[in-house]
N, C-alpha and C. Protein backbone atom coordinates (compact mmCIF):
# COMPACT_ATOMS: atom_id res chain seq x y z
N MET A 1 32.51 14.53 49.42
CA MET A 1 32.90 15.07 48.15
C MET A 1 32.91 14.00 47.06
N VAL A 2 33.40 12.82 47.40
CA VAL A 2 33.45 11.72 46.45
C VAL A 2 32.03 11.32 46.05
N GLU A 3 31.11 11.34 47.06
CA GLU A 3 29.72 10.98 46.77
C GLU A 3 29.09 11.97 45.79
N LEU A 4 29.41 13.24 45.96
CA LEU A 4 28.87 14.26 45.07
C LEU A 4 29.37 14.07 43.63
N ILE A 5 30.62 13.78 43.49
CA ILE A 5 31.19 13.53 42.16
C ILE A 5 30.59 12.26 41.56
N ALA A 6 30.44 11.21 42.37
CA ALA A 6 29.85 9.95 41.91
C ALA A 6 28.40 10.17 41.48
N ALA A 7 27.65 10.95 42.25
CA ALA A 7 26.26 11.23 41.90
C ALA A 7 26.18 12.03 40.60
N THR A 8 27.06 12.99 40.43
CA THR A 8 27.08 13.80 39.21
C THR A 8 27.42 12.93 38.00
N VAL A 9 28.43 12.11 38.12
CA VAL A 9 28.83 11.21 37.03
C VAL A 9 27.70 10.23 36.73
N GLY A 10 27.07 9.69 37.78
CA GLY A 10 25.95 8.76 37.61
C GLY A 10 24.79 9.43 36.89
N GLY A 11 24.50 10.67 37.24
CA GLY A 11 23.43 11.42 36.57
C GLY A 11 23.74 11.65 35.11
N CYS A 12 24.99 12.01 34.85
CA CYS A 12 25.40 12.23 33.45
C CYS A 12 25.30 10.94 32.64
N VAL A 13 25.72 9.83 33.22
CA VAL A 13 25.65 8.54 32.53
C VAL A 13 24.18 8.16 32.28
N ALA A 14 23.32 8.42 33.26
CA ALA A 14 21.90 8.10 33.11
C ALA A 14 21.27 8.94 32.00
N ILE A 15 21.58 10.23 31.98
CA ILE A 15 21.03 11.11 30.94
C ILE A 15 21.54 10.68 29.57
N ALA A 16 22.82 10.36 29.46
CA ALA A 16 23.38 9.92 28.19
C ALA A 16 22.74 8.61 27.75
N GLY A 17 22.54 7.70 28.69
CA GLY A 17 21.89 6.42 28.38
C GLY A 17 20.47 6.62 27.88
N GLN A 18 19.73 7.51 28.53
CA GLN A 18 18.37 7.78 28.09
C GLN A 18 18.35 8.40 26.70
N GLY A 19 19.30 9.27 26.43
CA GLY A 19 19.39 9.88 25.10
C GLY A 19 19.67 8.85 24.03
N ILE A 20 20.61 7.96 24.32
CA ILE A 20 20.94 6.90 23.35
C ILE A 20 19.77 5.98 23.14
N LEU A 21 19.11 5.58 24.24
CA LEU A 21 17.95 4.68 24.12
C LEU A 21 16.81 5.37 23.37
N GLY A 22 16.62 6.66 23.61
CA GLY A 22 15.59 7.40 22.89
C GLY A 22 15.87 7.46 21.40
N LYS A 23 17.13 7.67 21.07
CA LYS A 23 17.52 7.73 19.65
C LYS A 23 17.34 6.36 19.00
N LEU A 24 17.74 5.30 19.69
CA LEU A 24 17.56 3.95 19.15
C LEU A 24 16.08 3.62 18.98
N SER A 25 15.29 4.08 19.95
CA SER A 25 13.85 3.83 19.88
C SER A 25 13.24 4.56 18.68
N ARG A 26 13.63 5.80 18.47
CA ARG A 26 13.13 6.56 17.31
C ARG A 26 13.58 5.90 16.01
N SER A 27 14.82 5.44 15.98
CA SER A 27 15.34 4.77 14.80
C SER A 27 14.55 3.49 14.53
N SER A 28 14.27 2.75 15.57
CA SER A 28 13.48 1.53 15.44
C SER A 28 12.06 1.84 14.98
N ASP A 29 11.47 2.89 15.55
CA ASP A 29 10.12 3.29 15.14
C ASP A 29 10.09 3.71 13.67
N ALA A 30 11.12 4.43 13.26
CA ALA A 30 11.20 4.87 11.86
C ALA A 30 11.35 3.67 10.93
N ARG A 31 12.17 2.72 11.33
CA ARG A 31 12.36 1.51 10.52
C ARG A 31 11.06 0.73 10.43
N ASP A 32 10.34 0.61 11.54
CA ASP A 32 9.04 -0.08 11.53
C ASP A 32 8.04 0.64 10.63
N ALA A 33 8.05 1.96 10.67
CA ALA A 33 7.13 2.74 9.83
C ALA A 33 7.45 2.52 8.35
N VAL A 34 8.72 2.49 8.00
CA VAL A 34 9.12 2.25 6.61
C VAL A 34 8.68 0.86 6.17
N ILE A 35 8.84 -0.12 7.04
CA ILE A 35 8.42 -1.48 6.71
C ILE A 35 6.91 -1.54 6.50
N ARG A 36 6.16 -0.90 7.39
CA ARG A 36 4.69 -0.90 7.25
C ARG A 36 4.26 -0.20 5.96
N LEU A 37 4.88 0.92 5.65
CA LEU A 37 4.54 1.64 4.42
C LEU A 37 4.90 0.84 3.17
N THR A 38 6.04 0.19 3.19
CA THR A 38 6.45 -0.63 2.06
C THR A 38 5.48 -1.78 1.85
N THR A 39 5.08 -2.41 2.93
CA THR A 39 4.12 -3.51 2.84
C THR A 39 2.78 -3.01 2.31
N ALA A 40 2.35 -1.84 2.77
CA ALA A 40 1.08 -1.28 2.31
C ALA A 40 1.13 -0.95 0.82
N VAL A 41 2.24 -0.40 0.35
CA VAL A 41 2.37 -0.06 -1.07
C VAL A 41 2.37 -1.34 -1.91
N GLU A 42 3.06 -2.37 -1.45
CA GLU A 42 3.07 -3.64 -2.18
C GLU A 42 1.66 -4.24 -2.24
N HIS A 43 0.92 -4.13 -1.15
CA HIS A 43 -0.46 -4.64 -1.13
C HIS A 43 -1.33 -3.87 -2.12
N ILE A 44 -1.19 -2.56 -2.13
CA ILE A 44 -1.97 -1.73 -3.06
C ILE A 44 -1.61 -2.08 -4.50
N ALA A 45 -0.33 -2.31 -4.78
CA ALA A 45 0.08 -2.68 -6.14
C ALA A 45 -0.55 -4.00 -6.55
N THR A 46 -0.59 -4.95 -5.63
CA THR A 46 -1.22 -6.25 -5.92
C THR A 46 -2.70 -6.07 -6.20
N GLN A 47 -3.36 -5.26 -5.39
CA GLN A 47 -4.79 -5.03 -5.59
C GLN A 47 -5.06 -4.34 -6.93
N LEU A 48 -4.20 -3.40 -7.31
CA LEU A 48 -4.36 -2.72 -8.60
C LEU A 48 -4.18 -3.68 -9.76
N GLU A 49 -3.22 -4.59 -9.64
CA GLU A 49 -3.03 -5.59 -10.69
C GLU A 49 -4.25 -6.48 -10.82
N GLN A 50 -4.82 -6.89 -9.69
CA GLN A 50 -6.03 -7.72 -9.73
C GLN A 50 -7.20 -6.95 -10.32
N MET A 51 -7.33 -5.69 -9.95
CA MET A 51 -8.42 -4.87 -10.48
C MET A 51 -8.26 -4.69 -11.98
N HIS A 52 -7.04 -4.49 -12.44
CA HIS A 52 -6.78 -4.33 -13.87
C HIS A 52 -7.18 -5.61 -14.62
N ALA A 53 -6.82 -6.76 -14.08
CA ALA A 53 -7.18 -8.02 -14.73
C ALA A 53 -8.70 -8.20 -14.76
N ASP A 54 -9.36 -7.84 -13.66
CA ASP A 54 -10.83 -7.93 -13.61
C ASP A 54 -11.48 -7.00 -14.63
N MET A 55 -10.97 -5.78 -14.73
CA MET A 55 -11.52 -4.82 -15.69
C MET A 55 -11.32 -5.31 -17.12
N LYS A 56 -10.16 -5.90 -17.38
CA LYS A 56 -9.88 -6.42 -18.71
C LYS A 56 -10.88 -7.53 -19.07
N GLU A 57 -11.12 -8.42 -18.12
CA GLU A 57 -12.06 -9.52 -18.34
C GLU A 57 -13.48 -8.98 -18.53
N ASP A 58 -13.88 -8.02 -17.71
CA ASP A 58 -15.21 -7.42 -17.85
C ASP A 58 -15.37 -6.73 -19.20
N ARG A 59 -14.34 -6.01 -19.61
CA ARG A 59 -14.38 -5.31 -20.90
C ARG A 59 -14.52 -6.31 -22.04
N LYS A 60 -13.79 -7.40 -21.95
CA LYS A 60 -13.87 -8.44 -22.98
C LYS A 60 -15.29 -9.01 -23.06
N GLU A 61 -15.88 -9.29 -21.91
CA GLU A 61 -17.25 -9.83 -21.86
C GLU A 61 -18.25 -8.81 -22.39
N THR A 62 -18.11 -7.56 -21.99
CA THR A 62 -19.05 -6.50 -22.42
C THR A 62 -18.99 -6.31 -23.92
N TYR A 63 -17.78 -6.23 -24.49
CA TYR A 63 -17.67 -6.03 -25.94
C TYR A 63 -18.17 -7.25 -26.70
N GLY A 64 -18.00 -8.43 -26.13
CA GLY A 64 -18.55 -9.63 -26.75
C GLY A 64 -20.06 -9.59 -26.81
N ARG A 65 -20.67 -9.17 -25.72
CA ARG A 65 -22.14 -9.05 -25.69
C ARG A 65 -22.62 -7.96 -26.65
N LEU A 66 -21.91 -6.84 -26.66
CA LEU A 66 -22.30 -5.75 -27.57
C LEU A 66 -22.21 -6.21 -29.03
N SER A 67 -21.22 -6.97 -29.34
CA SER A 67 -21.08 -7.48 -30.70
C SER A 67 -22.26 -8.37 -31.06
N THR A 68 -22.66 -9.23 -30.13
CA THR A 68 -23.81 -10.12 -30.37
C THR A 68 -25.08 -9.30 -30.57
N VAL A 69 -25.27 -8.30 -29.74
CA VAL A 69 -26.46 -7.46 -29.85
C VAL A 69 -26.44 -6.70 -31.18
N GLU A 70 -25.28 -6.20 -31.57
CA GLU A 70 -25.16 -5.47 -32.83
C GLU A 70 -25.51 -6.37 -34.02
N GLN A 71 -25.05 -7.61 -33.98
CA GLN A 71 -25.36 -8.55 -35.06
C GLN A 71 -26.86 -8.83 -35.12
N ARG A 72 -27.48 -9.03 -33.96
CA ARG A 72 -28.94 -9.27 -33.93
C ARG A 72 -29.71 -8.06 -34.46
N LEU A 73 -29.27 -6.88 -34.05
CA LEU A 73 -29.93 -5.66 -34.51
C LEU A 73 -29.80 -5.50 -36.02
N SER A 74 -28.63 -5.81 -36.55
CA SER A 74 -28.44 -5.73 -38.00
C SER A 74 -29.38 -6.69 -38.72
N LYS A 75 -29.57 -7.89 -38.17
CA LYS A 75 -30.48 -8.86 -38.78
C LYS A 75 -31.91 -8.33 -38.76
N LEU A 76 -32.31 -7.75 -37.61
CA LEU A 76 -33.67 -7.22 -37.50
C LEU A 76 -33.89 -6.06 -38.47
N GLU A 77 -32.89 -5.18 -38.59
CA GLU A 77 -33.01 -4.05 -39.52
C GLU A 77 -33.09 -4.56 -40.95
N ALA A 78 -32.33 -5.57 -41.25
CA ALA A 78 -32.35 -6.13 -42.61
C ALA A 78 -33.73 -6.72 -42.91
N GLN A 79 -34.34 -7.40 -41.93
CA GLN A 79 -35.68 -7.97 -42.12
C GLN A 79 -36.71 -6.87 -42.26
N ARG A 80 -36.58 -5.82 -41.50
CA ARG A 80 -37.55 -4.74 -41.51
C ARG A 80 -37.55 -4.00 -42.84
N TYR A 81 -36.37 -3.77 -43.40
CA TYR A 81 -36.27 -2.99 -44.63
C TYR A 81 -36.31 -3.87 -45.89
N SER A 82 -36.47 -5.18 -45.70
CA SER A 82 -36.54 -6.05 -46.89
C SER A 82 -37.94 -6.17 -47.41
């Protein structure tokens, strides 16, 4: 009889332990997922900032070239109609 009670209590303790370990594992997995997502968002933000700076520089260069071309075209038109 004592063995039966001990086995029942042991089974209950084992099931409770597995439940607690499962919950801790899920909590740990969730925490890891949040960390990975946060890191990914920070990386994307950094990449967007770099892309914005690159676009700004490209735009500056493009408008500079367009201005030069516009000035040359104005000179050619002035020569043509003079």
